[in-house]
Amino acid sequence: MATVKITQTGSPIRRTKDQRATLIGLGLNKMHKTVELTDTPEVRGMIRKVSHMVSVGE
């Protein structure tokens, strides 16, 4: 299956609770942490919601 690498580049400070929860759902909780997840529509939707705080690599 295809995977996608996600790196947190922005701070969750002064963000809404749902954006913080989305970062935690993606497995991100610290700056510059990188996770590798399967490329599904659900993960893509979460990435789109916090796109201003993450960078995406294939």
N, C-alpha and C. Protein backbone atom coordinates (compact mmCIF):
# COMPACT_ATOMS: atom_id res chain seq x y z
N MET A 1 0.83 -1.18 0.00
CA MET A 1 0.00 0.00 0.00
C MET A 1 0.87 1.25 0.00
N ALA A 2 0.34 2.31 -0.54
CA ALA A 2 1.07 3.57 -0.59
C ALA A 2 1.10 4.20 0.80
N THR A 3 2.21 4.86 1.10
CA THR A 3 2.34 5.55 2.37
C THR A 3 2.64 7.01 2.13
N VAL A 4 2.43 7.81 3.15
CA VAL A 4 2.70 9.23 3.07
C VAL A 4 3.43 9.64 4.35
N LYS A 5 4.48 10.46 4.21
CA LYS A 5 5.23 10.96 5.35
C LYS A 5 4.71 12.34 5.71
N ILE A 6 4.40 12.53 6.98
CA ILE A 6 3.87 13.80 7.46
C ILE A 6 4.78 14.33 8.55
N THR A 7 5.18 15.59 8.44
CA THR A 7 6.04 16.23 9.42
C THR A 7 5.32 17.44 9.98
N GLN A 8 5.30 17.55 11.30
CA GLN A 8 4.67 18.71 11.93
C GLN A 8 5.62 19.89 11.85
N THR A 9 5.18 20.99 11.24
CA THR A 9 6.01 22.18 11.09
C THR A 9 5.45 23.37 11.86
N GLY A 10 4.22 23.29 12.32
CA GLY A 10 3.61 24.40 13.03
C GLY A 10 3.21 24.00 14.43
N SER A 11 3.11 24.99 15.31
CA SER A 11 2.76 24.74 16.70
C SER A 11 1.25 24.71 16.88
N PRO A 12 0.75 23.83 17.75
CA PRO A 12 -0.68 23.80 18.02
C PRO A 12 -1.13 24.85 19.03
N ILE A 13 -0.20 25.66 19.52
CA ILE A 13 -0.55 26.71 20.47
C ILE A 13 -1.47 27.72 19.78
N ARG A 14 -2.53 28.13 20.48
CA ARG A 14 -3.53 29.08 19.99
C ARG A 14 -4.29 28.56 18.77
N ARG A 15 -4.44 27.25 18.67
CA ARG A 15 -5.26 26.62 17.63
C ARG A 15 -6.51 26.05 18.28
N THR A 16 -7.50 25.76 17.47
CA THR A 16 -8.74 25.22 18.02
C THR A 16 -8.54 23.78 18.50
N LYS A 17 -9.47 23.34 19.35
CA LYS A 17 -9.36 22.00 19.93
C LYS A 17 -9.42 20.92 18.86
N ASP A 18 -10.24 21.14 17.82
CA ASP A 18 -10.36 20.10 16.81
C ASP A 18 -9.09 19.99 15.98
N GLN A 19 -8.36 21.09 15.78
CA GLN A 19 -7.09 21.00 15.06
C GLN A 19 -6.03 20.30 15.91
N ARG A 20 -6.03 20.56 17.20
CA ARG A 20 -5.10 19.84 18.10
C ARG A 20 -5.41 18.35 18.10
N ALA A 21 -6.69 18.02 18.16
CA ALA A 21 -7.09 16.61 18.16
C ALA A 21 -6.73 15.93 16.85
N THR A 22 -6.80 16.66 15.75
CA THR A 22 -6.43 16.09 14.46
C THR A 22 -4.93 15.77 14.43
N LEU A 23 -4.10 16.66 14.96
CA LEU A 23 -2.66 16.38 15.02
C LEU A 23 -2.39 15.14 15.86
N ILE A 24 -3.07 15.00 16.98
CA ILE A 24 -2.88 13.82 17.84
C ILE A 24 -3.35 12.57 17.10
N GLY A 25 -4.45 12.69 16.36
CA GLY A 25 -4.95 11.56 15.58
C GLY A 25 -3.98 11.11 14.51
N LEU A 26 -3.22 12.07 13.98
CA LEU A 26 -2.19 11.73 12.99
C LEU A 26 -0.92 11.18 13.64
N GLY A 27 -0.83 11.24 14.96
CA GLY A 27 0.35 10.75 15.65
C GLY A 27 1.41 11.81 15.85
N LEU A 28 1.03 13.07 15.71
CA LEU A 28 1.97 14.17 15.86
C LEU A 28 1.68 14.92 17.15
N ASN A 29 2.72 15.19 17.94
CA ASN A 29 2.52 15.94 19.16
C ASN A 29 3.69 16.87 19.47
N LYS A 30 4.74 16.83 18.67
CA LYS A 30 5.90 17.70 18.89
C LYS A 30 6.36 18.25 17.54
N MET A 31 6.97 19.41 17.61
CA MET A 31 7.47 20.05 16.40
C MET A 31 8.52 19.17 15.72
N HIS A 32 8.50 19.12 14.42
CA HIS A 32 9.46 18.42 13.57
C HIS A 32 9.41 16.91 13.73
N LYS A 33 8.35 16.38 14.32
CA LYS A 33 8.18 14.94 14.39
C LYS A 33 7.62 14.45 13.07
N THR A 34 8.09 13.31 12.60
CA THR A 34 7.66 12.74 11.33
C THR A 34 7.04 11.38 11.57
N VAL A 35 5.90 11.14 10.92
CA VAL A 35 5.24 9.84 10.97
C VAL A 35 4.97 9.39 9.55
N GLU A 36 4.85 8.09 9.38
CA GLU A 36 4.55 7.51 8.08
C GLU A 36 3.25 6.73 8.21
N LEU A 37 2.23 7.15 7.47
CA LEU A 37 0.91 6.54 7.54
C LEU A 37 0.49 6.04 6.16
N THR A 38 -0.45 5.12 6.15
CA THR A 38 -0.98 4.65 4.87
C THR A 38 -1.80 5.76 4.23
N ASP A 39 -1.75 5.82 2.93
CA ASP A 39 -2.41 6.88 2.18
C ASP A 39 -3.87 6.50 1.93
N THR A 40 -4.76 6.97 2.83
CA THR A 40 -6.19 6.70 2.70
C THR A 40 -6.94 8.03 2.61
N PRO A 41 -8.17 8.00 2.16
CA PRO A 41 -8.95 9.24 2.11
C PRO A 41 -9.13 9.89 3.48
N GLU A 42 -9.22 9.07 4.53
CA GLU A 42 -9.38 9.61 5.87
C GLU A 42 -8.14 10.39 6.30
N VAL A 43 -6.97 9.83 6.04
CA VAL A 43 -5.72 10.50 6.39
C VAL A 43 -5.55 11.76 5.56
N ARG A 44 -5.90 11.71 4.29
CA ARG A 44 -5.81 12.89 3.42
C ARG A 44 -6.73 14.01 3.93
N GLY A 45 -7.90 13.66 4.43
CA GLY A 45 -8.81 14.66 4.98
C GLY A 45 -8.25 15.31 6.23
N MET A 46 -7.61 14.50 7.08
CA MET A 46 -6.99 15.04 8.29
C MET A 46 -5.83 15.97 7.93
N ILE A 47 -5.06 15.58 6.92
CA ILE A 47 -3.94 16.41 6.47
C ILE A 47 -4.48 17.74 5.94
N ARG A 48 -5.55 17.69 5.18
CA ARG A 48 -6.14 18.90 4.61
C ARG A 48 -6.62 19.85 5.71
N LYS A 49 -7.11 19.30 6.81
CA LYS A 49 -7.63 20.11 7.90
C LYS A 49 -6.53 20.89 8.62
N VAL A 50 -5.33 20.30 8.71
CA VAL A 50 -4.22 20.97 9.40
C VAL A 50 -3.06 21.23 8.44
N SER A 51 -3.39 21.50 7.18
CA SER A 51 -2.34 21.66 6.16
C SER A 51 -1.40 22.82 6.45
N HIS A 52 -1.86 23.80 7.23
CA HIS A 52 -1.02 24.94 7.57
C HIS A 52 0.00 24.60 8.67
N MET A 53 -0.12 23.42 9.28
CA MET A 53 0.79 23.03 10.36
C MET A 53 1.63 21.81 10.03
N VAL A 54 1.47 21.23 8.85
CA VAL A 54 2.20 20.03 8.49
C VAL A 54 2.78 20.17 7.08
N SER A 55 3.84 19.39 6.83
CA SER A 55 4.35 19.26 5.47
C SER A 55 4.27 17.79 5.10
N VAL A 56 3.99 17.53 3.82
CA VAL A 56 3.71 16.17 3.36
C VAL A 56 4.74 15.75 2.34
N GLY A 57 5.26 14.54 2.50
CA GLY A 57 6.16 13.94 1.54
C GLY A 57 5.66 12.57 1.17
N GLU A 58 5.95 12.15 -0.04
CA GLU A 58 5.47 10.84 -0.50
C GLU A 58 6.40 9.73 -0.10
